């Protein structure tokens, strides 16, 4: 897997407006808020099953109804197409499970 850089990186980031680029880690992050702990944990369970299917595991953090996700590919030293594809999955799945972007009131 090749680390995304230059125009390829910019094009990939443009597809993911809800995600923030972390230049220090060469990663993308997103914070989601759910109705309660059960909803957040339900999303994390689905995401964990998807991560196993893809053999690509996010870094994440959960407190009550909030889930913070960080994607990057360790072997490539940063963001790759695998991360972008999984981020698209999150963007499609999380709202269907009641998530809202934590950055929004």
N, C-alpha and C. Protein backbone atom coordinates (compact mmCIF):
# COMPACT_ATOMS: atom_id res chain seq x y z
N UNK A 1 0.85 -1.17 0.00
CA UNK A 1 0.00 0.00 0.00
C UNK A 1 0.90 1.23 0.00
N UNK A 2 0.56 2.19 -0.86
CA UNK A 2 1.37 3.40 -1.00
C UNK A 2 0.74 4.57 -0.25
N UNK A 3 1.56 5.28 0.48
CA UNK A 3 1.14 6.47 1.21
C UNK A 3 0.70 7.54 0.21
N UNK A 4 -0.45 8.15 0.47
CA UNK A 4 -0.96 9.21 -0.40
C UNK A 4 -0.21 10.51 -0.12
N UNK A 5 0.23 11.15 -1.18
CA UNK A 5 0.93 12.42 -1.04
C UNK A 5 0.57 13.32 -2.22
N UNK A 6 0.88 14.60 -2.10
CA UNK A 6 0.70 15.55 -3.19
C UNK A 6 -0.74 15.62 -3.68
N UNK A 7 -0.92 15.68 -5.01
CA UNK A 7 -2.27 15.80 -5.58
C UNK A 7 -3.19 14.63 -5.23
N UNK A 8 -2.64 13.43 -5.11
CA UNK A 8 -3.47 12.27 -4.75
C UNK A 8 -4.03 12.43 -3.33
N UNK A 9 -3.21 12.94 -2.42
CA UNK A 9 -3.66 13.18 -1.06
C UNK A 9 -4.74 14.26 -1.05
N UNK A 10 -4.51 15.35 -1.75
CA UNK A 10 -5.48 16.45 -1.78
C UNK A 10 -6.81 16.00 -2.37
N UNK A 11 -6.77 15.20 -3.42
CA UNK A 11 -8.00 14.69 -4.04
C UNK A 11 -8.75 13.77 -3.08
N UNK A 12 -8.02 12.94 -2.36
CA UNK A 12 -8.66 12.03 -1.40
C UNK A 12 -9.30 12.82 -0.26
N UNK A 13 -8.59 13.80 0.26
CA UNK A 13 -9.13 14.61 1.36
C UNK A 13 -10.36 15.40 0.93
N UNK A 14 -10.39 15.83 -0.31
CA UNK A 14 -11.53 16.59 -0.82
C UNK A 14 -12.81 15.74 -0.83
N UNK A 15 -12.67 14.43 -0.90
CA UNK A 15 -13.81 13.52 -0.89
C UNK A 15 -14.39 13.33 0.52
N UNK A 16 -13.67 13.79 1.54
CA UNK A 16 -14.03 13.51 2.93
C UNK A 16 -14.12 14.80 3.75
N UNK A 17 -15.11 15.65 3.46
CA UNK A 17 -15.17 16.95 4.15
C UNK A 17 -15.42 16.86 5.65
N UNK A 18 -15.96 15.76 6.14
CA UNK A 18 -16.23 15.62 7.58
C UNK A 18 -14.99 15.20 8.36
N UNK A 19 -13.92 14.86 7.66
CA UNK A 19 -12.70 14.38 8.30
C UNK A 19 -11.66 15.49 8.35
N UNK A 20 -10.82 15.44 9.38
CA UNK A 20 -9.74 16.41 9.55
C UNK A 20 -8.42 15.71 9.29
N UNK A 21 -7.57 16.36 8.51
CA UNK A 21 -6.24 15.79 8.25
C UNK A 21 -5.31 16.15 9.39
N UNK A 22 -4.64 15.14 9.93
CA UNK A 22 -3.64 15.31 10.98
C UNK A 22 -2.28 15.18 10.32
N UNK A 23 -1.65 16.31 10.01
CA UNK A 23 -0.39 16.32 9.27
C UNK A 23 0.73 15.63 10.05
N UNK A 24 0.73 15.77 11.36
CA UNK A 24 1.79 15.16 12.18
C UNK A 24 1.79 13.64 12.06
N UNK A 25 0.60 13.05 12.03
CA UNK A 25 0.49 11.59 11.94
C UNK A 25 0.23 11.12 10.52
N UNK A 26 0.01 12.07 9.62
CA UNK A 26 -0.37 11.79 8.22
C UNK A 26 -1.57 10.84 8.23
N UNK A 27 -2.63 11.32 8.93
CA UNK A 27 -3.82 10.52 9.19
C UNK A 27 -5.06 11.40 9.06
N UNK A 28 -6.23 10.77 9.11
CA UNK A 28 -7.49 11.51 9.16
C UNK A 28 -8.22 11.13 10.42
N UNK A 29 -8.95 12.11 10.96
CA UNK A 29 -9.71 11.86 12.18
C UNK A 29 -11.11 12.44 12.05
N UNK A 30 -12.01 11.82 12.81
CA UNK A 30 -13.39 12.29 12.86
C UNK A 30 -13.96 11.97 14.23
N UNK A 31 -14.75 12.89 14.75
CA UNK A 31 -15.43 12.71 16.03
C UNK A 31 -16.92 12.61 15.77
N UNK A 32 -17.53 11.55 16.29
CA UNK A 32 -18.96 11.31 16.12
C UNK A 32 -19.65 11.32 17.47
N UNK A 33 -20.89 11.79 17.49
CA UNK A 33 -21.69 11.79 18.71
C UNK A 33 -22.98 11.00 18.43
N UNK A 34 -23.32 10.11 19.34
CA UNK A 34 -24.51 9.28 19.22
C UNK A 34 -25.48 9.65 20.33
N UNK A 35 -26.67 9.07 20.30
CA UNK A 35 -27.69 9.39 21.29
C UNK A 35 -27.27 8.99 22.71
N UNK A 36 -26.57 7.86 22.81
CA UNK A 36 -26.18 7.36 24.13
C UNK A 36 -25.06 6.34 23.96
N UNK A 37 -24.65 5.74 25.06
CA UNK A 37 -23.56 4.77 25.03
C UNK A 37 -23.91 3.55 24.19
N UNK A 38 -25.14 3.06 24.31
CA UNK A 38 -25.53 1.88 23.52
C UNK A 38 -25.41 2.12 22.03
N UNK A 39 -25.83 3.28 21.57
CA UNK A 39 -25.74 3.61 20.14
C UNK A 39 -24.28 3.72 19.71
N UNK A 40 -23.45 4.37 20.53
CA UNK A 40 -22.04 4.51 20.21
C UNK A 40 -21.36 3.13 20.16
N UNK A 41 -21.66 2.31 21.15
CA UNK A 41 -21.05 0.99 21.21
C UNK A 41 -21.55 0.11 20.06
N UNK A 42 -22.82 0.27 19.69
CA UNK A 42 -23.36 -0.47 18.55
C UNK A 42 -22.60 -0.13 17.27
N UNK A 43 -22.33 1.16 17.08
CA UNK A 43 -21.55 1.57 15.90
C UNK A 43 -20.15 0.97 15.97
N UNK A 44 -19.53 1.04 17.14
CA UNK A 44 -18.18 0.50 17.27
C UNK A 44 -18.15 -1.00 16.99
N UNK A 45 -19.18 -1.70 17.39
CA UNK A 45 -19.25 -3.14 17.11
C UNK A 45 -19.32 -3.39 15.61
N UNK A 46 -20.19 -2.65 14.92
CA UNK A 46 -20.27 -2.80 13.46
C UNK A 46 -18.96 -2.44 12.80
N UNK A 47 -18.33 -1.35 13.27
CA UNK A 47 -17.05 -0.93 12.70
C UNK A 47 -15.96 -1.97 12.97
N UNK A 48 -15.99 -2.59 14.14
CA UNK A 48 -15.01 -3.63 14.46
C UNK A 48 -15.16 -4.83 13.53
N UNK A 49 -16.39 -5.22 13.26
CA UNK A 49 -16.62 -6.33 12.33
C UNK A 49 -16.15 -5.96 10.92
N UNK A 50 -16.39 -4.73 10.52
CA UNK A 50 -15.93 -4.27 9.21
C UNK A 50 -14.41 -4.21 9.16
N UNK A 51 -13.79 -3.77 10.25
CA UNK A 51 -12.33 -3.72 10.31
C UNK A 51 -11.74 -5.12 10.15
N UNK A 52 -12.35 -6.10 10.79
CA UNK A 52 -11.87 -7.47 10.64
C UNK A 52 -12.03 -7.94 9.20
N UNK A 53 -13.17 -7.62 8.59
CA UNK A 53 -13.40 -8.02 7.20
C UNK A 53 -12.34 -7.41 6.28
N UNK A 54 -11.99 -6.16 6.54
CA UNK A 54 -11.01 -5.45 5.72
C UNK A 54 -9.56 -5.72 6.16
N UNK A 55 -9.40 -6.35 7.32
CA UNK A 55 -8.08 -6.51 7.93
C UNK A 55 -7.36 -5.16 8.00
N UNK A 56 -8.11 -4.17 8.48
CA UNK A 56 -7.59 -2.81 8.59
C UNK A 56 -8.27 -2.16 9.80
N UNK A 57 -7.52 -1.88 10.83
CA UNK A 57 -8.10 -1.52 12.13
C UNK A 57 -7.81 -0.08 12.50
N UNK A 58 -8.85 0.67 12.87
CA UNK A 58 -8.66 2.07 13.24
C UNK A 58 -8.13 2.21 14.66
N UNK A 59 -7.59 3.38 14.91
CA UNK A 59 -7.37 3.80 16.29
C UNK A 59 -8.63 4.53 16.68
N UNK A 60 -9.16 4.25 17.85
CA UNK A 60 -10.35 4.98 18.26
C UNK A 60 -10.43 5.12 19.76
N UNK A 61 -11.30 6.02 20.16
CA UNK A 61 -11.46 6.34 21.56
C UNK A 61 -12.95 6.57 21.79
N UNK A 62 -13.47 6.04 22.89
CA UNK A 62 -14.89 6.16 23.18
C UNK A 62 -15.10 6.61 24.61
N UNK A 63 -15.93 7.62 24.78
CA UNK A 63 -16.41 8.04 26.09
C UNK A 63 -17.90 8.29 25.94
N UNK A 64 -18.68 7.54 26.69
CA UNK A 64 -20.13 7.60 26.68
C UNK A 64 -20.70 7.58 25.26
N UNK A 65 -21.16 8.72 24.74
CA UNK A 65 -21.82 8.73 23.43
C UNK A 65 -20.92 9.24 22.30
N UNK A 66 -19.65 9.39 22.58
CA UNK A 66 -18.72 9.95 21.59
C UNK A 66 -17.73 8.88 21.14
N UNK A 67 -17.47 8.86 19.83
CA UNK A 67 -16.47 7.97 19.26
C UNK A 67 -15.53 8.82 18.40
N UNK A 68 -14.25 8.80 18.73
CA UNK A 68 -13.22 9.48 17.95
C UNK A 68 -12.47 8.42 17.15
N UNK A 69 -12.33 8.65 15.85
CA UNK A 69 -11.71 7.67 14.97
C UNK A 69 -10.49 8.29 14.30
N UNK A 70 -9.42 7.53 14.21
CA UNK A 70 -8.20 7.95 13.51
C UNK A 70 -7.83 6.84 12.54
N UNK A 71 -7.67 7.20 11.27
CA UNK A 71 -7.25 6.24 10.25
C UNK A 71 -5.89 6.60 9.68
N UNK A 72 -5.02 5.63 9.62
CA UNK A 72 -3.78 5.69 8.85
C UNK A 72 -3.27 4.26 8.74
N UNK A 73 -2.39 4.04 7.80
CA UNK A 73 -1.86 2.70 7.58
C UNK A 73 -0.44 2.64 8.13
N UNK A 74 -0.27 1.89 9.21
CA UNK A 74 1.04 1.80 9.87
C UNK A 74 2.14 1.40 8.90
N UNK A 75 1.89 0.35 8.11
CA UNK A 75 2.92 -0.18 7.21
C UNK A 75 3.37 0.84 6.16
N UNK A 76 2.49 1.75 5.78
CA UNK A 76 2.82 2.75 4.76
C UNK A 76 3.34 4.05 5.38
N UNK A 77 3.20 4.19 6.67
CA UNK A 77 3.65 5.40 7.33
C UNK A 77 2.72 6.58 7.14
N UNK A 78 1.46 6.29 6.88
CA UNK A 78 0.48 7.38 6.72
C UNK A 78 -0.77 6.93 6.01
N UNK A 79 -1.46 7.91 5.48
CA UNK A 79 -2.76 7.70 4.86
C UNK A 79 -2.64 6.99 3.51
N UNK A 80 -3.51 5.99 3.30
CA UNK A 80 -3.54 5.25 2.04
C UNK A 80 -4.98 5.14 1.55
N UNK A 81 -5.13 4.55 0.38
CA UNK A 81 -6.47 4.32 -0.17
C UNK A 81 -7.32 3.44 0.75
N UNK A 82 -6.69 2.54 1.50
CA UNK A 82 -7.44 1.70 2.44
C UNK A 82 -8.15 2.56 3.49
N UNK A 83 -7.45 3.59 3.97
CA UNK A 83 -8.03 4.48 4.96
C UNK A 83 -9.18 5.29 4.37
N UNK A 84 -8.98 5.76 3.16
CA UNK A 84 -10.01 6.56 2.49
C UNK A 84 -11.27 5.71 2.29
N UNK A 85 -11.09 4.47 1.84
CA UNK A 85 -12.24 3.59 1.62
C UNK A 85 -12.98 3.31 2.93
N UNK A 86 -12.25 3.08 4.00
CA UNK A 86 -12.90 2.81 5.28
C UNK A 86 -13.60 4.07 5.80
N UNK A 87 -13.01 5.23 5.57
CA UNK A 87 -13.66 6.48 5.97
C UNK A 87 -14.98 6.67 5.24
N UNK A 88 -15.02 6.30 3.96
CA UNK A 88 -16.29 6.36 3.21
C UNK A 88 -17.32 5.43 3.84
N UNK A 89 -16.88 4.25 4.27
CA UNK A 89 -17.79 3.32 4.94
C UNK A 89 -18.35 3.97 6.20
N UNK A 90 -17.49 4.60 7.00
CA UNK A 90 -17.93 5.29 8.22
C UNK A 90 -18.94 6.37 7.86
N UNK A 91 -18.64 7.15 6.83
CA UNK A 91 -19.54 8.24 6.42
C UNK A 91 -20.91 7.74 6.00
N UNK A 92 -20.98 6.54 5.46
CA UNK A 92 -22.26 5.97 5.05
C UNK A 92 -22.98 5.28 6.21
N UNK A 93 -22.24 4.66 7.10
CA UNK A 93 -22.81 3.84 8.16
C UNK A 93 -23.19 4.62 9.41
N UNK A 94 -22.32 5.49 9.87
CA UNK A 94 -22.54 6.20 11.14
C UNK A 94 -23.84 7.02 11.14
N UNK A 95 -24.12 7.83 10.12
CA UNK A 95 -25.38 8.59 10.16
C UNK A 95 -26.61 7.68 10.17
N UNK A 96 -26.52 6.56 9.47
CA UNK A 96 -27.65 5.62 9.46
C UNK A 96 -27.89 5.03 10.84
N UNK A 97 -26.86 5.10 11.70
CA UNK A 97 -26.98 4.59 13.07
C UNK A 97 -27.20 5.74 14.07
N UNK A 98 -27.52 6.92 13.55
CA UNK A 98 -27.87 8.05 14.41
C UNK A 98 -26.75 8.99 14.77
N UNK A 99 -25.57 8.83 14.20
CA UNK A 99 -24.43 9.68 14.54
C UNK A 99 -24.57 11.06 13.93
N UNK A 100 -24.05 12.02 14.65
CA UNK A 100 -23.88 13.37 14.11
C UNK A 100 -22.42 13.74 14.30
N UNK A 101 -21.95 14.64 13.47
CA UNK A 101 -20.57 15.10 13.56
C UNK A 101 -20.40 15.85 14.87
N UNK A 102 -19.44 15.48 15.66
CA UNK A 102 -19.21 16.09 16.97
C UNK A 102 -18.93 17.58 16.85
N UNK A 103 -18.43 18.02 15.70
CA UNK A 103 -18.11 19.44 15.52
C UNK A 103 -19.35 20.30 15.38
N UNK A 104 -20.51 19.67 15.11
CA UNK A 104 -21.76 20.40 14.95
C UNK A 104 -22.51 20.44 16.28
N UNK A 105 -23.21 21.54 16.57
CA UNK A 105 -23.97 21.62 17.85
C UNK A 105 -25.14 20.66 17.90
